[in-house]
């Protein structure tokens, strides 16, 4: 199932992945890998707010805040802040 990362303000697609989010320990905090293009080259910012869409029928569009970016792992960690 694909996940699509978008700009929160404009809705522009930034990247996508088929890797499922993995719980990262804190409440509503998740790490997600496998982004194409790679997460490290997207210009994401820690504390930045983005939209993460599940495009499947009935999929949720979430508002997320990036808390860490893992350049070597092509992943980033985020906190879900609600429905976009």
PDB file of N, CA and C in Angstrom:
ATOM      1  N   UNK A   1       0.844  -1.169   0.000  1.00  0.00           N
ATOM      2  CA  UNK A   1       0.000   0.000   0.000  1.00  0.00           C
ATOM      3  C   UNK A   1       0.896   1.240   0.000  1.00  0.00           C
ATOM      4  N   UNK A   2       0.690   2.159  -0.908  1.00  0.00           N
ATOM      5  CA  UNK A   2       1.542   3.356  -0.959  1.00  0.00           C
ATOM      6  C   UNK A   2       1.124   4.415   0.070  1.00  0.00           C
ATOM      7  N   UNK A   3       2.099   5.171   0.493  1.00  0.00           N
ATOM      8  CA  UNK A   3       1.870   6.348   1.329  1.00  0.00           C
ATOM      9  C   UNK A   3       2.467   7.516   0.567  1.00  0.00           C
ATOM     10  N   UNK A   4       1.773   8.635   0.544  1.00  0.00           N
ATOM     11  CA  UNK A   4       2.212   9.793  -0.227  1.00  0.00           C
ATOM     12  C   UNK A   4       2.454  10.962   0.717  1.00  0.00           C
ATOM     13  N   UNK A   5       3.677  11.508   0.677  1.00  0.00           N
ATOM     14  CA  UNK A   5       4.043  12.672   1.471  1.00  0.00           C
ATOM     15  C   UNK A   5       3.797  13.912   0.639  1.00  0.00           C
ATOM     16  N   UNK A   6       3.075  14.873   1.218  1.00  0.00           N
ATOM     17  CA  UNK A   6       2.738  16.105   0.501  1.00  0.00           C
ATOM     18  C   UNK A   6       3.046  17.326   1.342  1.00  0.00           C
ATOM     19  N   UNK A   7       3.180  18.461   0.663  1.00  0.00           N
ATOM     20  CA  UNK A   7       3.272  19.744   1.343  1.00  0.00           C
ATOM     21  C   UNK A   7       1.927  19.991   2.027  1.00  0.00           C
ATOM     22  N   UNK A   8       1.965  20.431   3.279  1.00  0.00           N
ATOM     23  CA  UNK A   8       0.710  20.681   3.985  1.00  0.00           C
ATOM     24  C   UNK A   8      -0.004  21.906   3.415  1.00  0.00           C
ATOM     25  N   UNK A   9       0.771  22.921   3.026  1.00  0.00           N
ATOM     26  CA  UNK A   9       0.186  24.169   2.553  1.00  0.00           C
ATOM     27  C   UNK A   9      -0.395  24.058   1.146  1.00  0.00           C
ATOM     28  N   UNK A  10       0.333  23.409   0.227  1.00  0.00           N
ATOM     29  CA  UNK A  10      -0.083  23.414  -1.176  1.00  0.00           C
ATOM     30  C   UNK A  10      -0.642  22.086  -1.673  1.00  0.00           C
ATOM     31  N   UNK A  11      -0.372  20.998  -0.945  1.00  0.00           N
ATOM     32  CA  UNK A  11      -0.822  19.688  -1.391  1.00  0.00           C
ATOM     33  C   UNK A  11       0.056  19.072  -2.465  1.00  0.00           C
ATOM     34  N   UNK A  12       1.201  19.709  -2.766  1.00  0.00           N
ATOM     35  CA  UNK A  12       2.133  19.198  -3.766  1.00  0.00           C
ATOM     36  C   UNK A  12       2.762  17.897  -3.279  1.00  0.00           C
ATOM     37  N   UNK A  13       2.790  16.874  -4.136  1.00  0.00           N
ATOM     38  CA  UNK A  13       3.408  15.603  -3.780  1.00  0.00           C
ATOM     39  C   UNK A  13       4.922  15.751  -3.717  1.00  0.00           C
ATOM     40  N   UNK A  14       5.524  15.303  -2.609  1.00  0.00           N
ATOM     41  CA  UNK A  14       6.967  15.372  -2.413  1.00  0.00           C
ATOM     42  C   UNK A  14       7.634  14.020  -2.633  1.00  0.00           C
ATOM     43  N   UNK A  15       7.008  12.943  -2.148  1.00  0.00           N
ATOM     44  CA  UNK A  15       7.608  11.625  -2.215  1.00  0.00           C
ATOM     45  C   UNK A  15       6.544  10.579  -1.902  1.00  0.00           C
ATOM     46  N   UNK A  16       6.907   9.305  -2.121  1.00  0.00           N
ATOM     47  CA  UNK A  16       5.995   8.228  -1.748  1.00  0.00           C
ATOM     48  C   UNK A  16       6.776   6.985  -1.349  1.00  0.00           C
ATOM     49  N   UNK A  17       6.115   6.087  -0.608  1.00  0.00           N
ATOM     50  CA  UNK A  17       6.726   4.841  -0.164  1.00  0.00           C
ATOM     51  C   UNK A  17       5.662   3.761  -0.031  1.00  0.00           C
ATOM     52  N   UNK A  18       6.085   2.527  -0.141  1.00  0.00           N
ATOM     53  CA  UNK A  18       5.189   1.402   0.133  1.00  0.00           C
ATOM     54  C   UNK A  18       5.511   0.790   1.488  1.00  0.00           C
ATOM     55  N   UNK A  19       6.533   1.310   2.184  1.00  0.00           N
ATOM     56  CA  UNK A  19       6.885   0.814   3.516  1.00  0.00           C
ATOM     57  C   UNK A  19       5.882   1.322   4.542  1.00  0.00           C
ATOM     58  N   UNK A  20       5.425   0.429   5.392  1.00  0.00           N
ATOM     59  CA  UNK A  20       4.470   0.793   6.436  1.00  0.00           C
ATOM     60  C   UNK A  20       5.172   1.558   7.559  1.00  0.00           C
ATOM     61  N   UNK A  21       4.447   2.469   8.222  1.00  0.00           N
ATOM     62  CA  UNK A  21       5.029   3.165   9.366  1.00  0.00           C
ATOM     63  C   UNK A  21       5.277   2.187  10.520  1.00  0.00           C
ATOM     64  N   UNK A  22       6.349   2.438  11.256  1.00  0.00           N
ATOM     65  CA  UNK A  22       6.710   1.616  12.414  1.00  0.00           C
ATOM     66  C   UNK A  22       6.653   2.482  13.663  1.00  0.00           C
ATOM     67  N   UNK A  23       5.984   2.003  14.702  1.00  0.00           N
ATOM     68  CA  UNK A  23       5.901   2.749  15.960  1.00  0.00           C
ATOM     69  C   UNK A  23       7.307   3.049  16.461  1.00  0.00           C
ATOM     70  N   UNK A  24       7.524   4.288  16.914  1.00  0.00           N
ATOM     71  CA  UNK A  24       8.864   4.720  17.326  1.00  0.00           C
ATOM     72  C   UNK A  24       8.991   4.918  18.830  1.00  0.00           C
ATOM     73  N   UNK A  25       8.006   4.538  19.600  1.00  0.00           N
ATOM     74  CA  UNK A  25       8.142   4.611  21.055  1.00  0.00           C
ATOM     75  C   UNK A  25       7.229   5.620  21.714  1.00  0.00           C
ATOM     76  N   UNK A  26       7.265   6.867  21.298  1.00  0.00           N
ATOM     77  CA  UNK A  26       6.419   7.889  21.899  1.00  0.00           C
ATOM     78  C   UNK A  26       4.996   7.795  21.327  1.00  0.00           C
ATOM     79  N   UNK A  27       4.044   8.343  22.026  1.00  0.00           N
ATOM     80  CA  UNK A  27       2.648   8.318  21.588  1.00  0.00           C
ATOM     81  C   UNK A  27       2.496   9.001  20.232  1.00  0.00           C
ATOM     82  N   UNK A  28       1.884   8.305  19.283  1.00  0.00           N
ATOM     83  CA  UNK A  28       1.634   8.807  17.928  1.00  0.00           C
ATOM     84  C   UNK A  28       2.910   9.156  17.165  1.00  0.00           C
ATOM     85  N   UNK A  29       4.057   8.566  17.557  1.00  0.00           N
ATOM     86  CA  UNK A  29       5.316   8.803  16.853  1.00  0.00           C
ATOM     87  C   UNK A  29       5.664   7.570  16.019  1.00  0.00           C
ATOM     88  N   UNK A  30       6.029   7.803  14.759  1.00  0.00           N
ATOM     89  CA  UNK A  30       6.296   6.719  13.822  1.00  0.00           C
ATOM     90  C   UNK A  30       7.531   7.021  12.995  1.00  0.00           C
ATOM     91  N   UNK A  31       8.248   5.963  12.610  1.00  0.00           N
ATOM     92  CA  UNK A  31       9.349   6.060  11.656  1.00  0.00           C
ATOM     93  C   UNK A  31       8.872   5.389  10.378  1.00  0.00           C
ATOM     94  N   UNK A  32       9.242   5.951   9.242  1.00  0.00           N
ATOM     95  CA  UNK A  32       8.830   5.384   7.964  1.00  0.00           C
ATOM     96  C   UNK A  32       9.972   5.521   6.979  1.00  0.00           C
ATOM     97  N   UNK A  33      10.258   4.431   6.261  1.00  0.00           N
ATOM     98  CA  UNK A  33      11.403   4.373   5.347  1.00  0.00           C
ATOM     99  C   UNK A  33      10.948   4.145   3.916  1.00  0.00           C
ATOM    100  N   UNK A  34      11.936   4.057   3.009  1.00  0.00           N
ATOM    101  CA  UNK A  34      11.686   3.673   1.625  1.00  0.00           C
ATOM    102  C   UNK A  34      11.162   4.761   0.719  1.00  0.00           C
ATOM    103  N   UNK A  35      11.424   6.019   1.031  1.00  0.00           N
ATOM    104  CA  UNK A  35      10.868   7.127   0.256  1.00  0.00           C
ATOM    105  C   UNK A  35      11.552   7.273  -1.100  1.00  0.00           C
ATOM    106  N   UNK A  36      10.745   7.542  -2.130  1.00  0.00           N
ATOM    107  CA  UNK A  36      11.237   7.773  -3.491  1.00  0.00           C
ATOM    108  C   UNK A  36      10.585   9.061  -3.983  1.00  0.00           C
ATOM    109  N   UNK A  37      11.338  10.146  -4.258  1.00  0.00           N
ATOM    110  CA  UNK A  37      12.773  10.275  -4.041  1.00  0.00           C
ATOM    111  C   UNK A  37      13.135  10.196  -2.558  1.00  0.00           C
ATOM    112  N   UNK A  38      14.418   9.989  -2.290  1.00  0.00           N
ATOM    113  CA  UNK A  38      14.918   9.728  -0.945  1.00  0.00           C
ATOM    114  C   UNK A  38      14.598  10.860   0.031  1.00  0.00           C
ATOM    115  N   UNK A  39      14.276  10.482   1.252  1.00  0.00           N
ATOM    116  CA  UNK A  39      13.908  11.433   2.299  1.00  0.00           C
ATOM    117  C   UNK A  39      14.990  12.484   2.527  1.00  0.00           C
ATOM    118  N   UNK A  40      16.252  12.078   2.477  1.00  0.00           N
ATOM    119  CA  UNK A  40      17.352  13.004   2.759  1.00  0.00           C
ATOM    120  C   UNK A  40      17.432  14.136   1.744  1.00  0.00           C
ATOM    121  N   UNK A  41      16.957  13.927   0.537  1.00  0.00           N
ATOM    122  CA  UNK A  41      17.047  14.952  -0.499  1.00  0.00           C
ATOM    123  C   UNK A  41      15.786  15.773  -0.684  1.00  0.00           C
ATOM    124  N   UNK A  42      14.815  15.610   0.189  1.00  0.00           N
ATOM    125  CA  UNK A  42      13.531  16.301   0.017  1.00  0.00           C
ATOM    126  C   UNK A  42      13.496  17.704   0.596  1.00  0.00           C
ATOM    127  N   UNK A  43      14.488  18.060   1.396  1.00  0.00           N
ATOM    128  CA  UNK A  43      14.478  19.380   2.021  1.00  0.00           C
ATOM    129  C   UNK A  43      13.501  19.461   3.183  1.00  0.00           C
ATOM    130  N   UNK A  44      13.198  18.319   3.801  1.00  0.00           N
ATOM    131  CA  UNK A  44      12.320  18.315   4.969  1.00  0.00           C
ATOM    132  C   UNK A  44      13.013  19.030   6.115  1.00  0.00           C
ATOM    133  N   UNK A  45      12.239  19.597   7.004  1.00  0.00           N
ATOM    134  CA  UNK A  45      12.836  20.267   8.154  1.00  0.00           C
ATOM    135  C   UNK A  45      12.271  19.684   9.445  1.00  0.00           C
ATOM    136  N   UNK A  46      13.156  19.550  10.441  1.00  0.00           N
ATOM    137  CA  UNK A  46      12.685  19.109  11.757  1.00  0.00           C
ATOM    138  C   UNK A  46      11.698  20.140  12.271  1.00  0.00           C
ATOM    139  N   UNK A  47      10.568  19.666  12.729  1.00  0.00           N
ATOM    140  CA  UNK A  47       9.516  20.560  13.195  1.00  0.00           C
ATOM    141  C   UNK A  47       8.580  20.997  12.083  1.00  0.00           C
ATOM    142  N   UNK A  48       8.913  20.644  10.840  1.00  0.00           N
ATOM    143  CA  UNK A  48       8.064  20.994   9.706  1.00  0.00           C
ATOM    144  C   UNK A  48       6.783  20.178   9.685  1.00  0.00           C
ATOM    145  N   UNK A  49       5.714  20.795   9.224  1.00  0.00           N
ATOM    146  CA  UNK A  49       4.414  20.135   9.148  1.00  0.00           C
ATOM    147  C   UNK A  49       4.132  19.747   7.705  1.00  0.00           C
ATOM    148  N   UNK A  50       3.710  18.497   7.523  1.00  0.00           N
ATOM    149  CA  UNK A  50       3.451  17.938   6.196  1.00  0.00           C
ATOM    150  C   UNK A  50       2.150  17.153   6.237  1.00  0.00           C
ATOM    151  N   UNK A  51       1.756  16.655   5.080  1.00  0.00           N
ATOM    152  CA  UNK A  51       0.564  15.815   4.980  1.00  0.00           C
ATOM    153  C   UNK A  51       1.001  14.437   4.504  1.00  0.00           C
ATOM    154  N   UNK A  52       0.479  13.393   5.118  1.00  0.00           N
ATOM    155  CA  UNK A  52       0.769  12.020   4.735  1.00  0.00           C
ATOM    156  C   UNK A  52      -0.542  11.354   4.357  1.00  0.00           C
ATOM    157  N   UNK A  53      -0.684  11.025   3.071  1.00  0.00           N
ATOM    158  CA  UNK A  53      -1.932  10.465   2.559  1.00  0.00           C
ATOM    159  C   UNK A  53      -1.816   8.971   2.312  1.00  0.00           C
ATOM    160  N   UNK A  54      -2.851   8.268   2.655  1.00  0.00           N
ATOM    161  CA  UNK A  54      -3.026   6.869   2.281  1.00  0.00           C
ATOM    162  C   UNK A  54      -4.059   6.894   1.159  1.00  0.00           C
ATOM    163  N   UNK A  55      -3.637   6.684  -0.102  1.00  0.00           N
ATOM    164  CA  UNK A  55      -4.536   6.872  -1.236  1.00  0.00           C
ATOM    165  C   UNK A  55      -5.514   5.710  -1.489  1.00  0.00           C
ATOM    166  N   UNK A  56      -5.474   4.686  -0.665  1.00  0.00           N
ATOM    167  CA  UNK A  56      -6.402   3.570  -0.843  1.00  0.00           C
ATOM    168  C   UNK A  56      -7.823   4.030  -0.519  1.00  0.00           C
ATOM    169  N   UNK A  57      -8.838   3.375  -1.062  1.00  0.00           N
ATOM    170  CA  UNK A  57     -10.220   3.743  -0.738  1.00  0.00           C
ATOM    171  C   UNK A  57     -10.432   3.736   0.781  1.00  0.00           C
ATOM    172  N   UNK A  58     -10.922   4.835   1.291  1.00  0.00           N
ATOM    173  CA  UNK A  58     -11.125   4.984   2.731  1.00  0.00           C
ATOM    174  C   UNK A  58      -9.873   5.353   3.491  1.00  0.00           C
ATOM    175  N   UNK A  59      -8.758   5.572   2.774  1.00  0.00           N
ATOM    176  CA  UNK A  59      -7.486   5.905   3.419  1.00  0.00           C
ATOM    177  C   UNK A  59      -7.531   7.268   4.090  1.00  0.00           C
ATOM    178  N   UNK A  60      -6.746   7.414   5.137  1.00  0.00           N
ATOM    179  CA  UNK A  60      -6.735   8.641   5.936  1.00  0.00           C
ATOM    180  C   UNK A  60      -5.654   9.595   5.434  1.00  0.00           C
ATOM    181  N   UNK A  61      -5.970  10.863   5.450  1.00  0.00           N
ATOM    182  CA  UNK A  61      -5.007  11.926   5.150  1.00  0.00           C
ATOM    183  C   UNK A  61      -4.652  12.559   6.497  1.00  0.00           C
ATOM    184  N   UNK A  62      -3.371  12.465   6.883  1.00  0.00           N
ATOM    185  CA  UNK A  62      -2.956  12.913   8.207  1.00  0.00           C
ATOM    186  C   UNK A  62      -2.042  14.134   8.146  1.00  0.00           C
ATOM    187  N   UNK A  63      -2.170  14.965   9.157  1.00  0.00           N
ATOM    188  CA  UNK A  63      -1.240  16.066   9.382  1.00  0.00           C
ATOM    189  C   UNK A  63      -0.139  15.496  10.267  1.00  0.00           C
ATOM    190  N   UNK A  64       1.127  15.662   9.835  1.00  0.00           N
ATOM    191  CA  UNK A  64       2.252  15.139  10.605  1.00  0.00           C
ATOM    192  C   UNK A  64       3.294  16.225  10.828  1.00  0.00           C
ATOM    193  N   UNK A  65       4.099  16.046  11.890  1.00  0.00           N
ATOM    194  CA  UNK A  65       5.217  16.942  12.163  1.00  0.00           C
ATOM    195  C   UNK A  65       6.476  16.095  12.217  1.00  0.00           C
ATOM    196  N   UNK A  66       7.480  16.436  11.406  1.00  0.00           N
ATOM    197  CA  UNK A  66       8.736  15.698  11.346  1.00  0.00           C
ATOM    198  C   UNK A  66       9.559  15.994  12.599  1.00  0.00           C
ATOM    199  N   UNK A  67      10.041  14.917  13.252  1.00  0.00           N
ATOM    200  CA  UNK A  67      10.867  15.091  14.447  1.00  0.00           C
ATOM    201  C   UNK A  67      12.316  14.654  14.221  1.00  0.00           C
ATOM    202  N   UNK A  68      12.585  13.837  13.183  1.00  0.00           N
ATOM    203  CA  UNK A  68      13.949  13.415  12.879  1.00  0.00           C
ATOM    204  C   UNK A  68      14.017  12.949  11.437  1.00  0.00           C
ATOM    205  N   UNK A  69      15.190  13.140  10.824  1.00  0.00           N
ATOM    206  CA  UNK A  69      15.418  12.706   9.440  1.00  0.00           C
ATOM    207  C   UNK A  69      16.669  11.838   9.433  1.00  0.00           C
ATOM    208  N   UNK A  70      16.536  10.605   8.946  1.00  0.00           N
ATOM    209  CA  UNK A  70      17.654   9.665   8.912  1.00  0.00           C
ATOM    210  C   UNK A  70      18.213   9.559   7.511  1.00  0.00           C
ATOM    211  N   UNK A  71      19.246  10.309   7.213  1.00  0.00           N
ATOM    212  CA  UNK A  71      19.794  10.358   5.852  1.00  0.00           C
ATOM    213  C   UNK A  71      20.263   8.991   5.363  1.00  0.00           C
ATOM    214  N   UNK A  72      20.971   8.249   6.199  1.00  0.00           N
ATOM    215  CA  UNK A  72      21.500   6.970   5.779  1.00  0.00           C
ATOM    216  C   UNK A  72      20.445   5.899   5.588  1.00  0.00           C
ATOM    217  N   UNK A  73      19.324   6.024   6.247  1.00  0.00           N
ATOM    218  CA  UNK A  73      18.282   5.004   6.201  1.00  0.00           C
ATOM    219  C   UNK A  73      17.142   5.360   5.257  1.00  0.00           C
ATOM    220  N   UNK A  74      17.208   6.514   4.612  1.00  0.00           N
ATOM    221  CA  UNK A  74      16.115   6.975   3.758  1.00  0.00           C
ATOM    222  C   UNK A  74      14.797   6.931   4.511  1.00  0.00           C
ATOM    223  N   UNK A  75      14.808   7.461   5.717  1.00  0.00           N
ATOM    224  CA  UNK A  75      13.634   7.431   6.581  1.00  0.00           C
ATOM    225  C   UNK A  75      13.508   8.749   7.330  1.00  0.00           C
ATOM    226  N   UNK A  76      12.334   8.978   7.856  1.00  0.00           N
ATOM    227  CA  UNK A  76      12.156  10.063   8.808  1.00  0.00           C
ATOM    228  C   UNK A  76      11.154   9.642   9.859  1.00  0.00           C
ATOM    229  N   UNK A  77      11.215  10.316  10.992  1.00  0.00           N
ATOM    230  CA  UNK A  77      10.324  10.043  12.117  1.00  0.00           C
ATOM    231  C   UNK A  77       9.389  11.213  12.260  1.00  0.00           C
ATOM    232  N   UNK A  78       8.134  10.918  12.533  1.00  0.00           N
ATOM    233  CA  UNK A  78       7.136  11.977  12.639  1.00  0.00           C
ATOM    234  C   UNK A  78       6.129  11.679  13.734  1.00  0.00           C
ATOM    235  N   UNK A  79       5.418  12.720  14.124  1.00  0.00           N
ATOM    236  CA  UNK A  79       4.331  12.618  15.081  1.00  0.00           C
ATOM    237  C   UNK A  79       3.055  12.946  14.338  1.00  0.00           C
ATOM    238  N   UNK A  80       2.059  12.102  14.508  1.00  0.00           N
ATOM    239  CA  UNK A  80       0.755  12.390  13.899  1.00  0.00           C
ATOM    240  C   UNK A  80       0.075  13.479  14.716  1.00  0.00           C
ATOM    241  N   UNK A  81      -0.390  14.521  14.020  1.00  0.00           N
ATOM    242  CA  UNK A  81      -1.032  15.642  14.711  1.00  0.00           C
ATOM    243  C   UNK A  81      -2.522  15.703  14.432  1.00  0.00           C
ATOM    244  N   UNK A  82      -3.050  14.783  13.683  1.00  0.00           N
ATOM    245  CA  UNK A  82      -4.482  14.765  13.405  1.00  0.00           C
ATOM    246  C   UNK A  82      -4.764  14.502  11.944  1.00  0.00           C
ATOM    247  N   UNK A  83      -6.015  14.673  11.590  1.00  0.00           N
ATOM    248  CA  UNK A  83      -6.459  14.442  10.225  1.00  0.00           C
ATOM    249  C   UNK A  83      -6.314  15.738   9.443  1.00  0.00           C
ATOM    250  N   UNK A  84      -5.787  15.629   8.213  1.00  0.00           N
ATOM    251  CA  UNK A  84      -5.569  16.819   7.376  1.00  0.00           C
ATOM    252  C   UNK A  84      -6.839  17.177   6.622  1.00  0.00           C
TER     253      UNK A  84
END
